[in-house]
Amino acid sequence: MDDTYIILLIIGGTVLLVGGFLYVSYLFDKKRTEAIQLVANEMGLAFEPKGDNTLLAGLSGFELFKHGHSKRLKNLIRGATRQTEIALFDYRYTTGGGRHQQIWRQTVVLFRLNQASLPTFTLRPESVWDKLGAVLGFKDINFETHPDFSKRYVLKGQDEAAIRRVFNVRVLAFYEAEPNICTEGAGDQLLVYRRAKQIKPEEWRAFLDEAFKVLTVFNSSSTGW
């Protein structure tokens, strides 16, 4: 067996392997989209499987959407209530390249509020890297009255006074009891997601209910905005 034949075998095997991976990924995505469409139908909400690039572009100022490249929003469910417009969707982005490339997948709830103006803030569960950053002098907004909240979460934003008004006793107590929710706010928009977690289709309704609890607790503090 000469070297040329071995090289061709390696190339052919690689092509088959990559092709097989892409096909399995396609089938997985197709099955997920079909399952999410059923969820949208059950809830009586509009479904856009290919997403909305205009919506994605409008979210570029949020921390979640500042990272990586090859960003894509899909499996978009939309609806509205008297107090808010709702968007529930899958979001994917890529960091690195080549052998060091990593794809991140999220499920996100976006509320667009009718009568509110939130200060710009980012709230996420504290990680080991955040603890290291604190040692190195990187600061976030802490509350002496709620040490459990300050231990569990990293809260950041430029207008600290306005953020403190929003994060009143009720809001802080809510997050102390729910230690794994990521939340971002700015103006009339509120994002809710779990870090690096794509929610299973059968759990989307429960996830939306969870996000509504976040919305409710912020609405309850609206007199301080």
Protein backbone atom coordinates (compact mmCIF):
# COMPACT_ATOMS: atom_id res chain seq x y z
CA MET A 1 0.00 0.00 0.00
CA ASP A 2 1.69 3.19 -1.19
CA ASP A 3 1.67 6.55 0.61
CA THR A 4 -0.77 8.13 -1.86
CA TYR A 5 -3.40 5.47 -1.17
CA ILE A 6 -2.99 5.89 2.60
CA ILE A 7 -3.38 9.66 2.28
CA LEU A 8 -6.54 9.22 0.22
CA LEU A 9 -7.94 6.83 2.81
CA ILE A 10 -7.24 9.34 5.58
CA ILE A 11 -8.84 12.19 3.61
CA GLY A 12 -11.86 10.06 2.72
CA GLY A 13 -12.30 8.93 6.31
CA THR A 14 -12.08 12.49 7.54
CA VAL A 15 -14.67 13.65 5.01
CA LEU A 16 -17.04 10.86 6.03
CA LEU A 17 -16.54 11.60 9.72
CA VAL A 18 -17.17 15.33 9.31
CA GLY A 19 -20.11 14.69 7.01
CA GLY A 20 -21.62 12.26 9.49
CA PHE A 21 -21.22 14.73 12.33
CA LEU A 22 -22.87 17.51 10.30
CA TYR A 23 -25.76 15.25 9.34
CA VAL A 24 -26.39 14.19 12.94
CA SER A 25 -26.23 17.84 13.99
CA TYR A 26 -28.74 18.72 11.25
CA LEU A 27 -31.14 16.01 12.41
CA PHE A 28 -30.81 17.14 16.03
CA ASP A 29 -31.52 20.78 15.11
CA LYS A 30 -34.46 19.76 12.91
CA LYS A 31 -35.99 17.65 15.68
CA ARG A 32 -35.50 20.49 18.18
CA THR A 33 -37.15 23.03 15.88
CA GLU A 34 -40.15 20.75 15.33
CA ALA A 35 -40.52 20.23 19.09
CA ILE A 36 -40.34 23.98 19.79
CA GLN A 37 -42.96 24.66 17.11
CA LEU A 38 -45.31 22.33 18.98
CA VAL A 39 -44.65 24.29 22.17
CA ALA A 40 -45.45 27.56 20.37
CA ASN A 41 -48.67 26.07 18.99
CA GLU A 42 -49.71 24.86 22.45
CA MET A 43 -49.15 28.34 23.89
CA GLY A 44 -50.89 30.03 20.97
CA LEU A 45 -47.83 32.12 20.12
CA ALA A 46 -46.17 32.99 16.80
CA PHE A 47 -43.17 30.88 15.77
CA GLU A 48 -40.27 31.95 13.52
CA PRO A 49 -37.85 29.02 13.08
CA LYS A 50 -35.21 31.13 11.30
CA GLY A 51 -35.33 33.88 13.91
CA ASP A 52 -35.07 37.61 13.27
CA ASN A 53 -31.77 39.30 12.45
CA THR A 54 -33.22 42.72 13.29
CA LEU A 55 -34.06 41.53 16.79
CA LEU A 56 -30.56 40.09 17.17
CA ALA A 57 -28.94 43.34 16.06
CA GLY A 58 -31.01 45.25 18.61
CA LEU A 59 -29.58 43.16 21.43
CA SER A 60 -25.93 43.89 20.67
CA GLY A 61 -25.55 46.20 23.67
CA PHE A 62 -26.25 43.42 26.19
CA GLU A 63 -23.32 41.58 27.73
CA LEU A 64 -24.48 38.16 26.49
CA PHE A 65 -24.37 39.32 22.87
CA LYS A 66 -20.97 41.02 23.02
CA HIS A 67 -18.95 37.80 22.96
CA GLY A 68 -17.76 35.63 20.11
CA HIS A 69 -18.67 35.54 16.44
CA SER A 70 -20.94 33.64 14.02
CA LYS A 71 -23.92 34.71 16.11
CA ARG A 72 -27.31 33.25 15.32
CA LEU A 73 -30.81 33.61 16.73
CA LYS A 74 -33.39 30.95 15.81
CA ASN A 75 -36.46 29.07 17.05
CA LEU A 76 -38.10 32.37 17.97
CA ILE A 77 -41.45 32.38 19.79
CA ARG A 78 -43.22 35.73 20.13
CA GLY A 79 -46.27 37.05 21.92
CA ALA A 80 -47.58 39.91 24.02
CA THR A 81 -49.51 40.69 27.19
CA ARG A 82 -50.87 44.01 28.42
CA GLN A 83 -47.61 44.84 30.16
CA THR A 84 -44.93 43.37 27.91
CA GLU A 85 -43.89 41.91 24.58
CA ILE A 86 -42.31 38.46 24.87
CA ALA A 87 -39.60 36.78 22.80
CA LEU A 88 -38.28 33.32 23.65
CA PHE A 89 -35.50 31.96 21.47
CA ASP A 90 -32.33 29.92 20.98
CA TYR A 91 -29.08 31.85 20.64
CA ARG A 92 -25.76 30.44 19.46
CA TYR A 93 -22.33 31.99 19.12
CA THR A 94 -18.75 30.78 18.62
CA THR A 95 -15.54 31.64 20.42
CA GLY A 96 -12.04 30.86 19.17
CA GLY A 97 -11.24 29.15 15.90
CA GLY A 98 -9.81 25.97 14.45
CA ARG A 99 -9.15 23.25 16.99
CA HIS A 100 -9.80 25.76 19.77
CA GLN A 101 -13.26 26.69 18.51
CA GLN A 102 -16.15 26.35 20.93
CA ILE A 103 -19.87 26.78 20.24
CA TRP A 104 -22.05 28.18 23.00
CA ARG A 105 -25.81 27.63 23.06
CA GLN A 106 -28.35 29.55 25.12
CA THR A 107 -32.09 29.79 25.47
CA VAL A 108 -33.14 33.35 26.25
CA VAL A 109 -36.32 35.16 27.28
CA LEU A 110 -36.63 38.81 26.29
CA PHE A 111 -39.30 41.09 27.72
CA ARG A 112 -39.96 44.51 26.22
CA LEU A 113 -41.77 46.49 28.89
CA ASN A 114 -44.53 48.97 28.13
CA GLN A 115 -44.08 51.27 31.11
CA ALA A 116 -40.61 50.97 32.57
CA SER A 117 -37.10 52.27 32.14
CA LEU A 118 -34.45 50.09 33.71
CA PRO A 119 -30.88 51.21 34.36
CA THR A 120 -28.35 49.19 32.39
CA PHE A 121 -27.16 46.24 34.49
CA THR A 122 -25.82 42.71 34.22
CA LEU A 123 -26.48 40.10 36.89
CA ARG A 124 -24.97 36.62 36.82
CA PRO A 125 -24.10 33.87 39.31
CA GLU A 126 -20.60 34.33 40.71
CA SER A 127 -18.00 31.96 39.27
CA VAL A 128 -14.50 30.97 40.33
CA TRP A 129 -13.12 33.51 37.84
CA ASP A 130 -15.25 36.24 39.41
CA LYS A 131 -13.87 35.36 42.84
CA LEU A 132 -10.35 35.59 41.42
CA GLY A 133 -11.22 38.93 39.84
CA ALA A 134 -12.41 40.22 43.21
CA VAL A 135 -9.03 39.30 44.72
CA LEU A 136 -7.33 41.24 41.91
CA GLY A 137 -9.43 44.29 42.61
CA PHE A 138 -12.32 44.00 40.12
CA LYS A 139 -15.43 45.29 41.87
CA ASP A 140 -19.14 44.67 41.54
CA ILE A 141 -22.15 46.08 43.37
CA ASN A 142 -22.65 44.45 46.78
CA PHE A 143 -25.28 44.89 49.48
CA GLU A 144 -24.23 44.72 53.15
CA THR A 145 -27.84 44.00 54.11
CA HIS A 146 -27.92 40.89 51.89
CA PRO A 147 -24.56 39.09 52.12
CA ASP A 148 -25.95 35.90 50.57
CA PHE A 149 -26.94 37.79 47.43
CA SER A 150 -23.50 39.41 47.24
CA LYS A 151 -21.77 36.03 47.64
CA ARG A 152 -23.87 34.32 45.00
CA TYR A 153 -24.13 36.99 42.33
CA VAL A 154 -22.04 39.48 40.38
CA LEU A 155 -23.99 42.68 39.70
CA LYS A 156 -22.48 45.34 37.45
CA GLY A 157 -23.54 48.58 35.78
CA GLN A 158 -22.41 52.17 35.45
CA ASP A 159 -25.24 53.94 37.30
CA GLU A 160 -24.80 52.29 40.69
CA ALA A 161 -27.31 54.54 42.46
CA ALA A 162 -30.08 53.72 39.98
CA ILE A 163 -29.27 50.01 40.12
CA ARG A 164 -29.44 50.04 43.92
CA ARG A 165 -32.88 51.62 43.72
CA VAL A 166 -34.10 48.81 41.46
CA PHE A 167 -32.50 46.06 43.56
CA ASN A 168 -34.64 46.67 46.61
CA VAL A 169 -35.27 44.22 49.45
CA ARG A 170 -37.87 42.26 47.48
CA VAL A 171 -35.61 41.82 44.43
CA LEU A 172 -32.58 40.84 46.51
CA ALA A 173 -34.60 38.28 48.48
CA PHE A 174 -35.89 36.77 45.24
CA TYR A 175 -32.40 36.20 43.87
CA GLU A 176 -31.15 34.81 47.16
CA ALA A 177 -33.79 32.09 46.77
CA GLU A 178 -33.02 31.62 43.02
CA PRO A 179 -29.22 31.47 42.83
CA ASN A 180 -28.70 30.48 39.17
CA ILE A 181 -30.53 33.05 37.05
CA CYS A 182 -28.75 35.46 34.70
CA THR A 183 -30.58 38.75 34.16
CA GLU A 184 -29.79 41.84 32.13
CA GLY A 185 -31.73 45.07 31.92
CA ALA A 186 -31.58 48.27 29.89
CA GLY A 187 -34.34 50.78 29.24
CA ASP A 188 -37.52 48.89 28.35
CA GLN A 189 -35.79 45.52 27.87
CA LEU A 190 -35.21 42.69 30.35
CA LEU A 191 -33.29 39.49 29.51
CA VAL A 192 -33.51 36.24 31.48
CA TYR A 193 -31.38 33.14 30.84
CA ARG A 194 -29.25 30.51 32.53
CA ARG A 195 -25.55 30.72 31.83
CA ALA A 196 -24.40 28.47 28.95
CA LYS A 197 -27.63 26.46 29.09
CA GLN A 198 -29.89 25.53 26.20
CA ILE A 199 -33.29 24.60 27.61
CA LYS A 200 -34.98 21.39 26.39
CA PRO A 201 -38.12 22.09 24.31
CA GLU A 202 -40.36 20.30 26.80
CA GLU A 203 -39.07 22.69 29.49
CA TRP A 204 -39.65 25.93 27.56
CA ARG A 205 -43.05 26.62 29.10
CA ALA A 206 -41.66 26.16 32.63
CA PHE A 207 -38.65 28.34 31.75
CA LEU A 208 -40.97 31.09 30.50
CA ASP A 209 -42.97 30.84 33.75
CA GLU A 210 -39.70 31.23 35.64
CA ALA A 211 -38.81 34.30 33.59
CA PHE A 212 -42.21 35.81 34.36
CA LYS A 213 -41.39 35.50 38.07
CA VAL A 214 -38.30 37.63 37.38
CA LEU A 215 -40.42 40.15 35.49
CA THR A 216 -42.96 40.27 38.31
CA VAL A 217 -40.36 40.94 40.99
CA PHE A 218 -38.89 43.81 38.95
CA ASN A 219 -42.37 45.23 38.31
CA SER A 220 -42.99 45.16 42.05
CA SER A 221 -39.99 47.49 42.52
CA SER A 222 -41.01 49.83 39.70
CA THR A 223 -41.79 52.71 42.04
CA GLY A 224 -38.06 52.97 42.67
CA TRP A 225 -37.04 53.27 39.03
